[in-house]
């Protein structure tokens, strides 16, 4: 079974949704037969990293509300994150461009470290207020998951893996993905948003049963028709023809 996940590293519900999927997988008896692939999706490709304002201030400006109202909205997200064991800190979080982080994730995937890199980037942004658009910070995070410092530096200082990121984003458009997180199971079942864990549990079970449940053929005609087996060929009784 394959699960593809389109997400962005500054999407608070992407981290929550990831945790809920993982909680469902912990209860799934065939977990070791499930492949998870994270795909790139930029919520706002044009956003510029801005350390001079907080997320609360940025949201207030974007939606024309007060900073206090923005804080209340974000508190609801913080509470949801806490329900799955995540400790979000919006106090010093700033608007951040994620293209460089997505390129790093693609490099990590090539090295067999996609899952670890994805988790580390999300944790850095949401719980540590890490600047995941900063090259030095990204190199540090990459080293923590076992990637080579010099190779990462070379990737980040070039345009490597840009095409891979754009390919994921174009694929999302073709599939009609308008928001993230967006989970696709076996290219047949879609789960949009950070749904409750039960939704993931049910989706996993349904996809598994459909893929592996053997259904018996429904016989058509007489079972006494002429046929051959390892013991030879037999003709039906003339009265049954």
C-alpha atoms as a PDB file:
ATOM      1  CA  UNK A   1       0.000   0.000   0.000  1.00  0.00           C
ATOM      2  CA  UNK A   2       1.264   3.446  -0.883  1.00  0.00           C
ATOM      3  CA  UNK A   3       0.277   6.719   0.762  1.00  0.00           C
ATOM      4  CA  UNK A   4       1.275   9.985  -0.912  1.00  0.00           C
ATOM      5  CA  UNK A   5       1.088  13.120   1.217  1.00  0.00           C
ATOM      6  CA  UNK A   6       1.135  16.620  -0.233  1.00  0.00           C
ATOM      7  CA  UNK A   7       2.125  19.081   2.490  1.00  0.00           C
ATOM      8  CA  UNK A   8       4.036  22.239   3.316  1.00  0.00           C
ATOM      9  CA  UNK A   9       6.470  22.774   6.172  1.00  0.00           C
ATOM     10  CA  UNK A  10       4.682  25.919   7.381  1.00  0.00           C
ATOM     11  CA  UNK A  11       1.218  24.358   7.323  1.00  0.00           C
ATOM     12  CA  UNK A  12       0.189  23.750  10.960  1.00  0.00           C
ATOM     13  CA  UNK A  13      -2.439  21.192   9.996  1.00  0.00           C
ATOM     14  CA  UNK A  14       0.108  19.251   7.939  1.00  0.00           C
ATOM     15  CA  UNK A  15       2.070  18.390  11.086  1.00  0.00           C
ATOM     16  CA  UNK A  16      -1.144  17.558  12.958  1.00  0.00           C
ATOM     17  CA  UNK A  17      -2.375  15.440  10.056  1.00  0.00           C
ATOM     18  CA  UNK A  18       0.960  13.644   9.889  1.00  0.00           C
ATOM     19  CA  UNK A  19       0.651  12.713  13.564  1.00  0.00           C
ATOM     20  CA  UNK A  20      -2.909  11.464  13.135  1.00  0.00           C
ATOM     21  CA  UNK A  21      -1.859   9.315  10.193  1.00  0.00           C
ATOM     22  CA  UNK A  22       0.984   7.907  12.280  1.00  0.00           C
ATOM     23  CA  UNK A  23      -1.419   7.177  15.141  1.00  0.00           C
ATOM     24  CA  UNK A  24      -3.650   5.270  12.725  1.00  0.00           C
ATOM     25  CA  UNK A  25      -0.667   3.362  11.363  1.00  0.00           C
ATOM     26  CA  UNK A  26       0.342   2.380  14.902  1.00  0.00           C
ATOM     27  CA  UNK A  27      -2.981   0.512  15.118  1.00  0.00           C
ATOM     28  CA  UNK A  28      -2.757  -0.952  11.617  1.00  0.00           C
ATOM     29  CA  UNK A  29      -1.603  -4.604  11.615  1.00  0.00           C
ATOM     30  CA  UNK A  30       0.063  -4.296   8.203  1.00  0.00           C
ATOM     31  CA  UNK A  31       2.084  -1.169   8.968  1.00  0.00           C
ATOM     32  CA  UNK A  32       5.306  -2.686   7.667  1.00  0.00           C
ATOM     33  CA  UNK A  33       3.710  -3.050   4.230  1.00  0.00           C
ATOM     34  CA  UNK A  34       2.776   0.635   3.923  1.00  0.00           C
ATOM     35  CA  UNK A  35       5.000   3.042   1.981  1.00  0.00           C
ATOM     36  CA  UNK A  36       4.658   6.759   2.735  1.00  0.00           C
ATOM     37  CA  UNK A  37       5.924   9.413   0.333  1.00  0.00           C
ATOM     38  CA  UNK A  38       5.799  13.120   1.142  1.00  0.00           C
ATOM     39  CA  UNK A  39       5.218  15.434  -1.805  1.00  0.00           C
ATOM     40  CA  UNK A  40       6.015  19.126  -2.124  1.00  0.00           C
ATOM     41  CA  UNK A  41       3.317  21.790  -1.936  1.00  0.00           C
ATOM     42  CA  UNK A  42       3.959  25.496  -1.296  1.00  0.00           C
ATOM     43  CA  UNK A  43       1.014  27.304   0.252  1.00  0.00           C
ATOM     44  CA  UNK A  44       2.456  30.600  -0.945  1.00  0.00           C
ATOM     45  CA  UNK A  45       5.439  30.308  -3.308  1.00  0.00           C
ATOM     46  CA  UNK A  46       5.799  34.105  -3.347  1.00  0.00           C
ATOM     47  CA  UNK A  47       6.027  34.669   0.396  1.00  0.00           C
ATOM     48  CA  UNK A  48       9.266  36.224   1.602  1.00  0.00           C
ATOM     49  CA  UNK A  49      10.868  35.170   4.851  1.00  0.00           C
ATOM     50  CA  UNK A  50      10.320  38.030   7.273  1.00  0.00           C
ATOM     51  CA  UNK A  51      11.852  37.897  10.749  1.00  0.00           C
ATOM     52  CA  UNK A  52      10.559  41.370  11.617  1.00  0.00           C
ATOM     53  CA  UNK A  53       6.975  40.237  12.245  1.00  0.00           C
ATOM     54  CA  UNK A  54       5.389  37.282  14.008  1.00  0.00           C
ATOM     55  CA  UNK A  55       2.883  34.820  12.567  1.00  0.00           C
ATOM     56  CA  UNK A  56       0.158  36.485  14.643  1.00  0.00           C
ATOM     57  CA  UNK A  57       0.948  39.854  13.085  1.00  0.00           C
ATOM     58  CA  UNK A  58       1.167  38.384   9.591  1.00  0.00           C
ATOM     59  CA  UNK A  59      -2.241  36.711   9.910  1.00  0.00           C
ATOM     60  CA  UNK A  60      -3.757  39.893  11.294  1.00  0.00           C
ATOM     61  CA  UNK A  61      -2.472  41.833   8.287  1.00  0.00           C
ATOM     62  CA  UNK A  62      -3.550  39.183   5.772  1.00  0.00           C
ATOM     63  CA  UNK A  63      -7.139  38.864   7.000  1.00  0.00           C
ATOM     64  CA  UNK A  64      -7.686  42.398   8.266  1.00  0.00           C
ATOM     65  CA  UNK A  65      -8.228  41.402  11.883  1.00  0.00           C
ATOM     66  CA  UNK A  66      -6.613  42.464  15.133  1.00  0.00           C
ATOM     67  CA  UNK A  67      -3.516  40.745  16.502  1.00  0.00           C
ATOM     68  CA  UNK A  68      -5.572  39.570  19.476  1.00  0.00           C
ATOM     69  CA  UNK A  69      -8.075  37.932  17.127  1.00  0.00           C
ATOM     70  CA  UNK A  70      -5.217  36.284  15.251  1.00  0.00           C
ATOM     71  CA  UNK A  71      -3.810  34.975  18.519  1.00  0.00           C
ATOM     72  CA  UNK A  72      -7.176  33.445  19.415  1.00  0.00           C
ATOM     73  CA  UNK A  73      -7.343  31.719  16.050  1.00  0.00           C
ATOM     74  CA  UNK A  74      -3.831  30.395  16.450  1.00  0.00           C
ATOM     75  CA  UNK A  75      -4.593  29.243  19.986  1.00  0.00           C
ATOM     76  CA  UNK A  76      -7.215  26.903  18.563  1.00  0.00           C
ATOM     77  CA  UNK A  77      -4.533  25.424  16.312  1.00  0.00           C
ATOM     78  CA  UNK A  78      -2.125  25.155  19.239  1.00  0.00           C
ATOM     79  CA  UNK A  79      -4.776  23.261  21.204  1.00  0.00           C
ATOM     80  CA  UNK A  80      -5.346  20.833  18.341  1.00  0.00           C
ATOM     81  CA  UNK A  81      -1.611  20.251  18.062  1.00  0.00           C
ATOM     82  CA  UNK A  82      -1.377  19.574  21.789  1.00  0.00           C
ATOM     83  CA  UNK A  83      -4.069  16.889  21.441  1.00  0.00           C
ATOM     84  CA  UNK A  84      -1.623  14.820  19.361  1.00  0.00           C
ATOM     85  CA  UNK A  85       1.436  15.585  21.479  1.00  0.00           C
ATOM     86  CA  UNK A  86       2.828  18.561  19.564  1.00  0.00           C
ATOM     87  CA  UNK A  87       3.906  21.697  21.406  1.00  0.00           C
ATOM     88  CA  UNK A  88       3.473  24.563  18.943  1.00  0.00           C
ATOM     89  CA  UNK A  89       5.148  27.888  19.707  1.00  0.00           C
ATOM     90  CA  UNK A  90       3.719  30.753  17.642  1.00  0.00           C
ATOM     91  CA  UNK A  91       5.254  33.470  19.802  1.00  0.00           C
ATOM     92  CA  UNK A  92       8.463  33.824  17.798  1.00  0.00           C
ATOM     93  CA  UNK A  93       7.431  32.105  14.567  1.00  0.00           C
ATOM     94  CA  UNK A  94       7.752  34.230  11.417  1.00  0.00           C
ATOM     95  CA  UNK A  95       6.504  34.011   7.821  1.00  0.00           C
ATOM     96  CA  UNK A  96       8.877  31.715   5.936  1.00  0.00           C
ATOM     97  CA  UNK A  97       9.439  30.706   2.325  1.00  0.00           C
ATOM     98  CA  UNK A  98       9.693  26.910   2.071  1.00  0.00           C
ATOM     99  CA  UNK A  99      11.071  26.290  -1.421  1.00  0.00           C
ATOM    100  CA  UNK A 100      14.586  25.683  -0.141  1.00  0.00           C
ATOM    101  CA  UNK A 101      13.288  23.303   2.528  1.00  0.00           C
ATOM    102  CA  UNK A 102      11.350  21.351  -0.099  1.00  0.00           C
ATOM    103  CA  UNK A 103      14.489  21.034  -2.225  1.00  0.00           C
ATOM    104  CA  UNK A 104      16.327  19.726   0.836  1.00  0.00           C
ATOM    105  CA  UNK A 105      13.570  17.182   1.427  1.00  0.00           C
ATOM    106  CA  UNK A 106      13.933  15.954  -2.155  1.00  0.00           C
ATOM    107  CA  UNK A 107      17.662  15.505  -1.624  1.00  0.00           C
ATOM    108  CA  UNK A 108      16.937  13.646   1.608  1.00  0.00           C
ATOM    109  CA  UNK A 109      14.539  11.374  -0.262  1.00  0.00           C
ATOM    110  CA  UNK A 110      17.312  10.478  -2.689  1.00  0.00           C
ATOM    111  CA  UNK A 111      19.461   9.514   0.307  1.00  0.00           C
ATOM    112  CA  UNK A 112      16.721   7.468   1.970  1.00  0.00           C
ATOM    113  CA  UNK A 113      16.068  10.069   4.699  1.00  0.00           C
ATOM    114  CA  UNK A 114      12.795  11.645   3.580  1.00  0.00           C
ATOM    115  CA  UNK A 115      10.759  10.665   6.634  1.00  0.00           C
ATOM    116  CA  UNK A 116      13.415  11.853   9.077  1.00  0.00           C
ATOM    117  CA  UNK A 117      14.007  15.115   7.218  1.00  0.00           C
ATOM    118  CA  UNK A 118      10.286  15.877   6.945  1.00  0.00           C
ATOM    119  CA  UNK A 119       9.772  15.372  10.666  1.00  0.00           C
ATOM    120  CA  UNK A 120      12.815  17.459  11.556  1.00  0.00           C
ATOM    121  CA  UNK A 121      11.779  20.391   9.369  1.00  0.00           C
ATOM    122  CA  UNK A 122       8.247  20.438  10.778  1.00  0.00           C
ATOM    123  CA  UNK A 123       9.493  20.188  14.346  1.00  0.00           C
ATOM    124  CA  UNK A 124      12.020  22.966  13.811  1.00  0.00           C
ATOM    125  CA  UNK A 125       9.444  25.375  12.425  1.00  0.00           C
ATOM    126  CA  UNK A 126       6.524  24.686  14.741  1.00  0.00           C
ATOM    127  CA  UNK A 127       8.106  23.839  18.075  1.00  0.00           C
ATOM    128  CA  UNK A 128      11.524  25.498  17.932  1.00  0.00           C
ATOM    129  CA  UNK A 129      10.843  28.584  15.790  1.00  0.00           C
ATOM    130  CA  UNK A 130      13.690  27.488  13.526  1.00  0.00           C
ATOM    131  CA  UNK A 131      14.350  29.523  10.390  1.00  0.00           C
ATOM    132  CA  UNK A 132      13.881  26.787   7.792  1.00  0.00           C
ATOM    133  CA  UNK A 133      14.688  29.164   4.939  1.00  0.00           C
ATOM    134  CA  UNK A 134      18.170  29.784   6.341  1.00  0.00           C
ATOM    135  CA  UNK A 135      20.910  27.744   4.667  1.00  0.00           C
ATOM    136  CA  UNK A 136      23.009  27.301   7.810  1.00  0.00           C
ATOM    137  CA  UNK A 137      19.956  26.170   9.774  1.00  0.00           C
ATOM    138  CA  UNK A 138      18.966  23.707   7.091  1.00  0.00           C
ATOM    139  CA  UNK A 139      22.478  22.273   6.996  1.00  0.00           C
ATOM    140  CA  UNK A 140      22.327  21.789  10.757  1.00  0.00           C
ATOM    141  CA  UNK A 141      18.983  20.023  10.575  1.00  0.00           C
ATOM    142  CA  UNK A 142      20.175  17.845   7.706  1.00  0.00           C
ATOM    143  CA  UNK A 143      23.266  16.815   9.648  1.00  0.00           C
ATOM    144  CA  UNK A 144      21.048  15.829  12.575  1.00  0.00           C
ATOM    145  CA  UNK A 145      19.244  13.255  10.429  1.00  0.00           C
ATOM    146  CA  UNK A 146      22.483  11.865   9.028  1.00  0.00           C
ATOM    147  CA  UNK A 147      23.019  13.754   5.777  1.00  0.00           C
ATOM    148  CA  UNK A 148      26.429  14.906   4.626  1.00  0.00           C
ATOM    149  CA  UNK A 149      27.078  18.562   5.440  1.00  0.00           C
ATOM    150  CA  UNK A 150      29.062  19.344   2.295  1.00  0.00           C
ATOM    151  CA  UNK A 151      26.578  17.642  -0.010  1.00  0.00           C
ATOM    152  CA  UNK A 152      23.683  19.524   1.571  1.00  0.00           C
ATOM    153  CA  UNK A 153      25.522  22.829   1.271  1.00  0.00           C
ATOM    154  CA  UNK A 154      26.148  22.177  -2.417  1.00  0.00           C
ATOM    155  CA  UNK A 155      22.471  21.404  -3.002  1.00  0.00           C
ATOM    156  CA  UNK A 156      21.181  24.448  -1.145  1.00  0.00           C
ATOM    157  CA  UNK A 157      23.574  26.837  -2.862  1.00  0.00           C
ATOM    158  CA  UNK A 158      22.417  25.644  -6.280  1.00  0.00           C
ATOM    159  CA  UNK A 159      19.057  25.036  -7.927  1.00  0.00           C
ATOM    160  CA  UNK A 160      19.246  21.270  -7.565  1.00  0.00           C
ATOM    161  CA  UNK A 161      15.932  19.451  -7.006  1.00  0.00           C
ATOM    162  CA  UNK A 162      13.933  22.489  -8.105  1.00  0.00           C
ATOM    163  CA  UNK A 163      12.377  20.490 -10.933  1.00  0.00           C
ATOM    164  CA  UNK A 164      11.382  17.707  -8.554  1.00  0.00           C
ATOM    165  CA  UNK A 165       9.568  20.179  -6.312  1.00  0.00           C
ATOM    166  CA  UNK A 166       7.771  21.760  -9.262  1.00  0.00           C
ATOM    167  CA  UNK A 167       6.800  18.324 -10.593  1.00  0.00           C
ATOM    168  CA  UNK A 168       5.081  17.495  -7.301  1.00  0.00           C
ATOM    169  CA  UNK A 169       3.231  20.796  -7.390  1.00  0.00           C
ATOM    170  CA  UNK A 170       2.094  20.326 -10.977  1.00  0.00           C
ATOM    171  CA  UNK A 171       0.920  16.824 -10.117  1.00  0.00           C
ATOM    172  CA  UNK A 172      -1.098  18.268  -7.247  1.00  0.00           C
ATOM    173  CA  UNK A 173      -2.787  20.659  -9.671  1.00  0.00           C
ATOM    174  CA  UNK A 174      -3.616  17.789 -12.012  1.00  0.00           C
ATOM    175  CA  UNK A 175      -5.189  15.864  -9.127  1.00  0.00           C
ATOM    176  CA  UNK A 176      -7.212  18.891  -8.082  1.00  0.00           C
ATOM    177  CA  UNK A 177      -5.394  19.434  -4.790  1.00  0.00           C
ATOM    178  CA  UNK A 178      -6.307  22.878  -3.514  1.00  0.00           C
ATOM    179  CA  UNK A 179      -5.150  22.668   0.095  1.00  0.00           C
ATOM    180  CA  UNK A 180      -2.936  20.607   2.348  1.00  0.00           C
ATOM    181  CA  UNK A 181      -2.449  18.213   3.950  1.00  0.00           C
ATOM    182  CA  UNK A 182      -3.802  15.973   1.220  1.00  0.00           C
ATOM    183  CA  UNK A 183      -3.404  12.212   1.520  1.00  0.00           C
ATOM    184  CA  UNK A 184      -3.817   9.799  -1.388  1.00  0.00           C
ATOM    185  CA  UNK A 185      -4.029   6.067  -0.672  1.00  0.00           C
ATOM    186  CA  UNK A 186      -3.206   3.737  -3.564  1.00  0.00           C
ATOM    187  CA  UNK A 187      -4.165   6.518  -6.000  1.00  0.00           C
ATOM    188  CA  UNK A 188      -7.815   5.722  -5.258  1.00  0.00           C
ATOM    189  CA  UNK A 189      -8.803   7.141  -1.866  1.00  0.00           C
ATOM    190  CA  UNK A 190      -8.209  10.748  -0.850  1.00  0.00           C
ATOM    191  CA  UNK A 191      -8.245  12.302   2.607  1.00  0.00           C
ATOM    192  CA  UNK A 192      -8.236  16.079   2.654  1.00  0.00           C
ATOM    193  CA  UNK A 193      -7.109  17.945   5.760  1.00  0.00           C
ATOM    194  CA  UNK A 194      -6.083  16.870   9.261  1.00  0.00           C
ATOM    195  CA  UNK A 195      -9.005  14.505   9.668  1.00  0.00           C
ATOM    196  CA  UNK A 196      -9.638  12.577  12.923  1.00  0.00           C
ATOM    197  CA  UNK A 197      -7.493   9.486  13.405  1.00  0.00           C
ATOM    198  CA  UNK A 198     -10.525   7.241  12.808  1.00  0.00           C
ATOM    199  CA  UNK A 199     -10.804   8.542   9.244  1.00  0.00           C
ATOM    200  CA  UNK A 200      -7.250   7.422   8.542  1.00  0.00           C
ATOM    201  CA  UNK A 201      -7.860   4.086  10.276  1.00  0.00           C
ATOM    202  CA  UNK A 202     -10.937   3.413   8.182  1.00  0.00           C
ATOM    203  CA  UNK A 203      -9.198   4.507   5.002  1.00  0.00           C
ATOM    204  CA  UNK A 204      -6.253   2.214   5.608  1.00  0.00           C
ATOM    205  CA  UNK A 205      -8.506  -0.745   6.301  1.00  0.00           C
ATOM    206  CA  UNK A 206     -10.711  -0.122   3.275  1.00  0.00           C
ATOM    207  CA  UNK A 207      -7.759   0.242   0.915  1.00  0.00           C
ATOM    208  CA  UNK A 208      -6.089  -2.863   2.335  1.00  0.00           C
ATOM    209  CA  UNK A 209      -9.197  -5.012   2.029  1.00  0.00           C
ATOM    210  CA  UNK A 210      -9.812  -3.889  -1.516  1.00  0.00           C
ATOM    211  CA  UNK A 211      -6.229  -4.637  -2.499  1.00  0.00           C
ATOM    212  CA  UNK A 212      -5.888  -8.003  -0.727  1.00  0.00           C
ATOM    213  CA  UNK A 213      -9.329  -9.484  -0.161  1.00  0.00           C
ATOM    214  CA  UNK A 214      -9.764 -12.469  -2.477  1.00  0.00           C
ATOM    215  CA  UNK A 215     -13.275 -12.759  -3.841  1.00  0.00           C
ATOM    216  CA  UNK A 216     -14.684 -16.040  -5.175  1.00  0.00           C
ATOM    217  CA  UNK A 217     -15.857 -16.211  -8.747  1.00  0.00           C
ATOM    218  CA  UNK A 218     -19.576 -16.387  -9.302  1.00  0.00           C
ATOM    219  CA  UNK A 219     -20.217 -19.467 -11.504  1.00  0.00           C
ATOM    220  CA  UNK A 220     -22.118 -19.027 -14.759  1.00  0.00           C
ATOM    221  CA  UNK A 221     -23.637 -22.026 -16.548  1.00  0.00           C
ATOM    222  CA  UNK A 222     -23.364 -25.647 -15.480  1.00  0.00           C
ATOM    223  CA  UNK A 223     -20.514 -26.976 -13.387  1.00  0.00           C
ATOM    224  CA  UNK A 224     -20.726 -30.189 -15.453  1.00  0.00           C
ATOM    225  CA  UNK A 225     -19.456 -28.652 -18.702  1.00  0.00           C
ATOM    226  CA  UNK A 226     -16.568 -30.279 -20.535  1.00  0.00           C
ATOM    227  CA  UNK A 227     -13.269 -29.479 -18.890  1.00  0.00           C
ATOM    228  CA  UNK A 228      -9.785 -30.771 -18.350  1.00  0.00           C
ATOM    229  CA  UNK A 229      -7.866 -31.270 -15.115  1.00  0.00           C
ATOM    230  CA  UNK A 230      -4.572 -32.862 -14.199  1.00  0.00           C
ATOM    231  CA  UNK A 231      -6.407 -36.200 -14.209  1.00  0.00           C
ATOM    232  CA  UNK A 232      -7.589 -35.844 -17.791  1.00  0.00           C
ATOM    233  CA  UNK A 233     -10.438 -34.440 -19.838  1.00  0.00           C
ATOM    234  CA  UNK A 234     -14.079 -35.298 -19.297  1.00  0.00           C
ATOM    235  CA  UNK A 235     -17.197 -34.823 -21.354  1.00  0.00           C
ATOM    236  CA  UNK A 236     -20.507 -34.073 -19.648  1.00  0.00           C
ATOM    237  CA  UNK A 237     -23.301 -36.607 -19.627  1.00  0.00           C
ATOM    238  CA  UNK A 238     -25.288 -36.314 -22.860  1.00  0.00           C
ATOM    239  CA  UNK A 239     -28.481 -35.832 -20.865  1.00  0.00           C
ATOM    240  CA  UNK A 240     -26.986 -32.648 -19.388  1.00  0.00           C
ATOM    241  CA  UNK A 241     -25.947 -31.079 -22.677  1.00  0.00           C
END
